[in-house]
Protein backbone atom coordinates (compact mmCIF):
# COMPACT_ATOMS: atom_id res chain seq x y z
CA UNK A 1 0.00 0.00 0.00
CA UNK A 2 1.41 3.41 -1.02
CA UNK A 3 1.66 6.22 1.53
CA UNK A 4 -1.06 8.23 -0.19
CA UNK A 5 -3.50 5.33 0.16
CA UNK A 6 -3.48 5.95 3.90
CA UNK A 7 -3.07 9.75 3.82
CA UNK A 8 -4.75 11.42 6.74
CA UNK A 9 -5.33 14.88 8.14
CA UNK A 10 -5.19 15.95 11.76
CA UNK A 11 -6.23 19.32 13.19
CA UNK A 12 -5.06 20.40 16.63
CA UNK A 13 -6.39 23.46 18.42
CA UNK A 14 -6.13 24.61 22.01
CA UNK A 15 -9.02 26.68 23.30
CA UNK A 16 -8.15 30.36 23.29
CA UNK A 17 -5.41 30.13 20.66
CA UNK A 18 -5.87 32.11 17.47
CA UNK A 19 -4.02 29.51 15.40
CA UNK A 20 -4.25 25.77 14.96
CA UNK A 21 -1.95 23.07 13.63
CA UNK A 22 -2.76 20.91 10.62
CA UNK A 23 -0.84 17.83 9.61
CA UNK A 24 -1.86 16.36 6.28
CA UNK A 25 -0.78 13.97 3.59
CA UNK A 26 -3.98 14.33 1.56
CA UNK A 27 -2.90 15.75 -1.80
CA UNK A 28 -5.80 18.13 -2.38
CA UNK A 29 -5.54 19.79 1.01
CA UNK A 30 -1.74 19.68 0.92
CA UNK A 31 -1.58 21.54 -2.41
CA UNK A 32 -4.11 24.10 -1.19
CA UNK A 33 -2.18 24.78 2.01
CA UNK A 34 1.15 25.02 0.15
CA UNK A 35 -0.41 27.61 -2.16
CA UNK A 36 -1.74 29.51 0.87
CA UNK A 37 1.81 29.75 2.27
CA UNK A 38 2.61 31.80 -0.86
CA UNK A 39 -0.65 33.78 -1.01
CA UNK A 40 -0.94 34.43 2.75
CA UNK A 41 2.60 34.20 4.19
CA UNK A 42 1.65 36.10 7.34
CA UNK A 43 -1.18 33.68 8.14
CA UNK A 44 -0.13 30.25 6.88
CA UNK A 45 3.21 28.79 7.93
CA UNK A 46 4.77 25.56 6.71
CA UNK A 47 6.40 24.21 9.86
CA UNK A 48 7.71 20.85 8.63
CA UNK A 49 7.84 18.74 5.49
CA UNK A 50 8.03 15.04 6.33
CA UNK A 51 9.87 12.31 4.44
CA UNK A 52 6.58 10.64 3.47
CA UNK A 53 5.41 13.81 1.69
CA UNK A 54 3.04 14.99 4.40
CA UNK A 55 3.39 18.49 5.86
CA UNK A 56 2.70 20.30 9.13
CA UNK A 57 1.19 23.80 9.01
CA UNK A 58 0.02 26.55 11.35
CA UNK A 59 -3.09 28.41 10.14
CA UNK A 60 -5.60 30.83 11.71
CA UNK A 61 -8.28 29.02 13.70
CA UNK A 62 -10.94 31.22 12.08
CA UNK A 63 -10.14 29.56 8.75
CA UNK A 64 -11.31 26.15 9.96
CA UNK A 65 -14.93 25.44 9.08
CA UNK A 66 -16.84 22.20 9.39
CA UNK A 67 -20.22 22.04 7.71
CA UNK A 68 -22.58 19.26 6.67
CA UNK A 69 -23.36 18.71 3.00
CA UNK A 70 -26.22 20.74 1.62
CA UNK A 71 -29.59 18.97 1.58
CA UNK A 72 -31.80 19.50 -1.48
CA UNK A 73 -35.48 18.78 -1.98
CA UNK A 74 -36.53 16.74 -5.00
CA UNK A 75 -37.89 19.92 -6.61
CA UNK A 76 -34.52 21.66 -6.17
CA UNK A 77 -32.71 18.68 -7.68
CA UNK A 78 -35.05 18.67 -10.66
CA UNK A 79 -34.49 22.41 -11.19
CA UNK A 80 -30.72 21.84 -11.05
CA UNK A 81 -31.00 19.01 -13.59
CA UNK A 82 -32.97 21.24 -15.94
CA UNK A 83 -30.44 24.08 -15.62
CA UNK A 84 -27.59 21.64 -16.24
CA UNK A 85 -29.29 20.25 -19.35
CA UNK A 86 -29.88 23.78 -20.66
CA UNK A 87 -26.22 24.66 -20.13
CA UNK A 88 -25.11 21.40 -21.74
CA UNK A 89 -27.38 21.93 -24.74
CA UNK A 90 -26.28 25.55 -25.14
CA UNK A 91 -22.63 24.55 -24.85
CA UNK A 92 -23.04 21.88 -27.56
CA UNK A 93 -24.80 24.34 -29.88
CA UNK A 94 -22.09 26.96 -29.52
CA UNK A 95 -19.32 24.43 -30.18
CA UNK A 96 -21.05 23.14 -33.32
CA UNK A 97 -21.26 26.58 -34.93
C-alpha atoms as a PDB file:
ATOM      1  CA  UNK A   1       0.000   0.000   0.000  1.00  0.00           C
ATOM      2  CA  UNK A   2       1.413   3.407  -1.015  1.00  0.00           C
ATOM      3  CA  UNK A   3       1.664   6.217   1.532  1.00  0.00           C
ATOM      4  CA  UNK A   4      -1.061   8.230  -0.194  1.00  0.00           C
ATOM      5  CA  UNK A   5      -3.500   5.325   0.162  1.00  0.00           C
ATOM      6  CA  UNK A   6      -3.484   5.950   3.904  1.00  0.00           C
ATOM      7  CA  UNK A   7      -3.066   9.747   3.822  1.00  0.00           C
ATOM      8  CA  UNK A   8      -4.752  11.423   6.736  1.00  0.00           C
ATOM      9  CA  UNK A   9      -5.332  14.882   8.143  1.00  0.00           C
ATOM     10  CA  UNK A  10      -5.188  15.951  11.763  1.00  0.00           C
ATOM     11  CA  UNK A  11      -6.227  19.321  13.185  1.00  0.00           C
ATOM     12  CA  UNK A  12      -5.056  20.399  16.631  1.00  0.00           C
ATOM     13  CA  UNK A  13      -6.393  23.463  18.417  1.00  0.00           C
ATOM     14  CA  UNK A  14      -6.127  24.606  22.007  1.00  0.00           C
ATOM     15  CA  UNK A  15      -9.018  26.676  23.301  1.00  0.00           C
ATOM     16  CA  UNK A  16      -8.147  30.356  23.286  1.00  0.00           C
ATOM     17  CA  UNK A  17      -5.406  30.134  20.658  1.00  0.00           C
ATOM     18  CA  UNK A  18      -5.867  32.109  17.471  1.00  0.00           C
ATOM     19  CA  UNK A  19      -4.018  29.507  15.396  1.00  0.00           C
ATOM     20  CA  UNK A  20      -4.252  25.770  14.964  1.00  0.00           C
ATOM     21  CA  UNK A  21      -1.947  23.072  13.627  1.00  0.00           C
ATOM     22  CA  UNK A  22      -2.765  20.911  10.618  1.00  0.00           C
ATOM     23  CA  UNK A  23      -0.839  17.830   9.607  1.00  0.00           C
ATOM     24  CA  UNK A  24      -1.858  16.360   6.279  1.00  0.00           C
ATOM     25  CA  UNK A  25      -0.778  13.970   3.588  1.00  0.00           C
ATOM     26  CA  UNK A  26      -3.981  14.334   1.559  1.00  0.00           C
ATOM     27  CA  UNK A  27      -2.901  15.749  -1.797  1.00  0.00           C
ATOM     28  CA  UNK A  28      -5.801  18.131  -2.380  1.00  0.00           C
ATOM     29  CA  UNK A  29      -5.541  19.789   1.015  1.00  0.00           C
ATOM     30  CA  UNK A  30      -1.739  19.678   0.921  1.00  0.00           C
ATOM     31  CA  UNK A  31      -1.581  21.541  -2.412  1.00  0.00           C
ATOM     32  CA  UNK A  32      -4.110  24.096  -1.194  1.00  0.00           C
ATOM     33  CA  UNK A  33      -2.178  24.784   2.012  1.00  0.00           C
ATOM     34  CA  UNK A  34       1.146  25.015   0.152  1.00  0.00           C
ATOM     35  CA  UNK A  35      -0.415  27.613  -2.158  1.00  0.00           C
ATOM     36  CA  UNK A  36      -1.741  29.508   0.866  1.00  0.00           C
ATOM     37  CA  UNK A  37       1.808  29.745   2.270  1.00  0.00           C
ATOM     38  CA  UNK A  38       2.608  31.802  -0.856  1.00  0.00           C
ATOM     39  CA  UNK A  39      -0.647  33.776  -1.008  1.00  0.00           C
ATOM     40  CA  UNK A  40      -0.939  34.432   2.752  1.00  0.00           C
ATOM     41  CA  UNK A  41       2.605  34.196   4.193  1.00  0.00           C
ATOM     42  CA  UNK A  42       1.654  36.099   7.342  1.00  0.00           C
ATOM     43  CA  UNK A  43      -1.182  33.681   8.145  1.00  0.00           C
ATOM     44  CA  UNK A  44      -0.133  30.245   6.876  1.00  0.00           C
ATOM     45  CA  UNK A  45       3.208  28.787   7.931  1.00  0.00           C
ATOM     46  CA  UNK A  46       4.773  25.562   6.706  1.00  0.00           C
ATOM     47  CA  UNK A  47       6.398  24.205   9.859  1.00  0.00           C
ATOM     48  CA  UNK A  48       7.709  20.852   8.628  1.00  0.00           C
ATOM     49  CA  UNK A  49       7.843  18.739   5.489  1.00  0.00           C
ATOM     50  CA  UNK A  50       8.029  15.044   6.334  1.00  0.00           C
ATOM     51  CA  UNK A  51       9.866  12.307   4.437  1.00  0.00           C
ATOM     52  CA  UNK A  52       6.583  10.635   3.473  1.00  0.00           C
ATOM     53  CA  UNK A  53       5.410  13.810   1.690  1.00  0.00           C
ATOM     54  CA  UNK A  54       3.038  14.986   4.405  1.00  0.00           C
ATOM     55  CA  UNK A  55       3.389  18.490   5.864  1.00  0.00           C
ATOM     56  CA  UNK A  56       2.700  20.296   9.125  1.00  0.00           C
ATOM     57  CA  UNK A  57       1.193  23.797   9.009  1.00  0.00           C
ATOM     58  CA  UNK A  58       0.018  26.554  11.347  1.00  0.00           C
ATOM     59  CA  UNK A  59      -3.088  28.412  10.139  1.00  0.00           C
ATOM     60  CA  UNK A  60      -5.599  30.830  11.712  1.00  0.00           C
ATOM     61  CA  UNK A  61      -8.282  29.025  13.699  1.00  0.00           C
ATOM     62  CA  UNK A  62     -10.944  31.222  12.082  1.00  0.00           C
ATOM     63  CA  UNK A  63     -10.136  29.560   8.754  1.00  0.00           C
ATOM     64  CA  UNK A  64     -11.312  26.148   9.961  1.00  0.00           C
ATOM     65  CA  UNK A  65     -14.929  25.444   9.080  1.00  0.00           C
ATOM     66  CA  UNK A  66     -16.839  22.196   9.390  1.00  0.00           C
ATOM     67  CA  UNK A  67     -20.217  22.043   7.707  1.00  0.00           C
ATOM     68  CA  UNK A  68     -22.576  19.262   6.675  1.00  0.00           C
ATOM     69  CA  UNK A  69     -23.358  18.712   3.000  1.00  0.00           C
ATOM     70  CA  UNK A  70     -26.220  20.742   1.617  1.00  0.00           C
ATOM     71  CA  UNK A  71     -29.589  18.969   1.581  1.00  0.00           C
ATOM     72  CA  UNK A  72     -31.800  19.496  -1.483  1.00  0.00           C
ATOM     73  CA  UNK A  73     -35.483  18.776  -1.978  1.00  0.00           C
ATOM     74  CA  UNK A  74     -36.526  16.735  -5.002  1.00  0.00           C
ATOM     75  CA  UNK A  75     -37.890  19.919  -6.606  1.00  0.00           C
ATOM     76  CA  UNK A  76     -34.522  21.665  -6.166  1.00  0.00           C
ATOM     77  CA  UNK A  77     -32.705  18.676  -7.678  1.00  0.00           C
ATOM     78  CA  UNK A  78     -35.051  18.669 -10.658  1.00  0.00           C
ATOM     79  CA  UNK A  79     -34.489  22.406 -11.194  1.00  0.00           C
ATOM     80  CA  UNK A  80     -30.717  21.844 -11.054  1.00  0.00           C
ATOM     81  CA  UNK A  81     -31.004  19.007 -13.590  1.00  0.00           C
ATOM     82  CA  UNK A  82     -32.968  21.238 -15.939  1.00  0.00           C
ATOM     83  CA  UNK A  83     -30.438  24.082 -15.617  1.00  0.00           C
ATOM     84  CA  UNK A  84     -27.595  21.638 -16.245  1.00  0.00           C
ATOM     85  CA  UNK A  85     -29.293  20.246 -19.351  1.00  0.00           C
ATOM     86  CA  UNK A  86     -29.877  23.781 -20.655  1.00  0.00           C
ATOM     87  CA  UNK A  87     -26.220  24.656 -20.134  1.00  0.00           C
ATOM     88  CA  UNK A  88     -25.114  21.398 -21.736  1.00  0.00           C
ATOM     89  CA  UNK A  89     -27.384  21.928 -24.742  1.00  0.00           C
ATOM     90  CA  UNK A  90     -26.283  25.553 -25.139  1.00  0.00           C
ATOM     91  CA  UNK A  91     -22.628  24.548 -24.854  1.00  0.00           C
ATOM     92  CA  UNK A  92     -23.038  21.876 -27.561  1.00  0.00           C
ATOM     93  CA  UNK A  93     -24.805  24.335 -29.880  1.00  0.00           C
ATOM     94  CA  UNK A  94     -22.090  26.957 -29.515  1.00  0.00           C
ATOM     95  CA  UNK A  95     -19.316  24.435 -30.176  1.00  0.00           C
ATOM     96  CA  UNK A  96     -21.053  23.142 -33.322  1.00  0.00           C
ATOM     97  CA  UNK A  97     -21.264  26.580 -34.933  1.00  0.00           C
END
